[in-house]
Protein backbone atom coordinates (compact mmCIF):
# COMPACT_ATOMS: atom_id res chain seq x y z
CA MET A 1 0.00 0.00 0.00
CA THR A 2 1.35 3.43 -0.96
CA LEU A 3 0.25 6.54 0.88
CA THR A 4 0.69 9.88 -0.81
CA ALA A 5 0.97 13.05 1.25
CA THR A 6 -0.82 16.11 -0.10
CA LEU A 7 0.35 19.70 0.07
CA THR A 8 -1.53 21.62 2.76
CA GLY A 9 0.36 24.93 2.73
CA ILE A 10 3.57 26.75 1.86
CA GLU A 11 6.04 29.07 3.54
CA VAL A 12 8.35 31.36 1.56
CA PHE A 13 11.74 32.55 2.84
CA THR A 14 14.49 34.77 1.41
CA ASP A 15 17.97 35.74 2.61
CA ARG A 16 17.54 39.42 1.77
CA LEU A 17 14.47 41.62 1.92
CA TYR A 18 15.94 44.33 -0.33
CA LEU A 19 18.01 44.15 -3.50
CA THR A 20 19.62 47.58 -3.56
CA SER A 21 21.72 47.46 -6.73
CA PRO A 22 21.32 46.14 -10.26
CA GLY A 23 22.55 42.56 -10.49
CA ALA A 24 22.06 41.87 -6.78
CA SER A 25 20.33 38.55 -6.19
CA SER A 26 18.80 36.45 -3.46
CA PRO A 27 17.36 32.93 -3.51
CA ILE A 28 13.80 32.20 -2.51
CA THR A 29 13.21 29.06 -0.46
CA VAL A 30 9.73 27.56 -0.65
CA MET A 31 8.87 25.02 2.03
CA GLY A 32 5.81 22.85 1.51
CA ASN A 33 3.77 21.63 4.46
CA PHE A 34 2.33 18.18 3.76
CA SER A 35 -0.52 16.15 5.21
CA ASP A 36 1.92 13.62 6.68
CA GLY A 37 3.26 16.38 8.97
CA ILE A 38 6.58 16.69 7.15
CA GLN A 39 7.87 19.99 5.75
CA ARG A 40 9.82 19.63 2.50
CA ASN A 41 11.84 22.06 0.39
CA VAL A 42 9.89 22.48 -2.86
CA SER A 43 11.88 25.43 -4.28
CA ALA A 44 13.22 23.65 -7.37
CA ALA A 45 11.43 23.95 -10.70
CA ALA A 46 11.86 20.17 -11.12
CA LEU A 47 9.42 19.73 -8.22
CA GLY A 48 6.74 21.76 -9.98
CA THR A 49 7.25 25.17 -8.39
CA THR A 50 6.97 28.12 -10.77
CA TYR A 51 7.87 31.75 -10.19
CA LEU A 52 6.54 34.95 -11.72
CA THR A 53 7.47 38.62 -11.40
CA SER A 54 4.97 41.41 -11.81
CA ILE A 55 7.59 43.89 -13.09
CA PRO A 56 10.26 42.00 -15.09
CA GLY A 57 12.08 45.27 -15.87
CA VAL A 58 12.83 45.66 -12.16
CA ALA A 59 13.51 42.08 -11.11
CA THR A 60 13.66 38.63 -12.69
CA VAL A 61 13.21 35.21 -11.10
CA SER A 62 15.04 32.14 -12.32
CA ALA A 63 13.31 28.78 -12.74
CA ASP A 64 14.72 27.69 -9.37
CA GLY A 65 13.76 30.85 -7.49
CA VAL A 66 16.73 33.21 -7.56
CA VAL A 67 15.54 36.83 -7.68
CA THR A 68 17.85 39.26 -9.49
CA ALA A 69 17.45 43.03 -9.58
């Protein structure tokens, strides 16, 4: 018998709150909370996480969650 945990929530963390110069970057860490009570890092694009930016001329986000000003 295989049990599959389902995602119940996420938490998002970053090393830096402000990117004060062009080219500065900071990774985003996304932790998924699952129904089995375990928290897993789900930051990687290979795990299905996608990132978007509302103003790409100001900051970009890589497929694996690195924000660059």
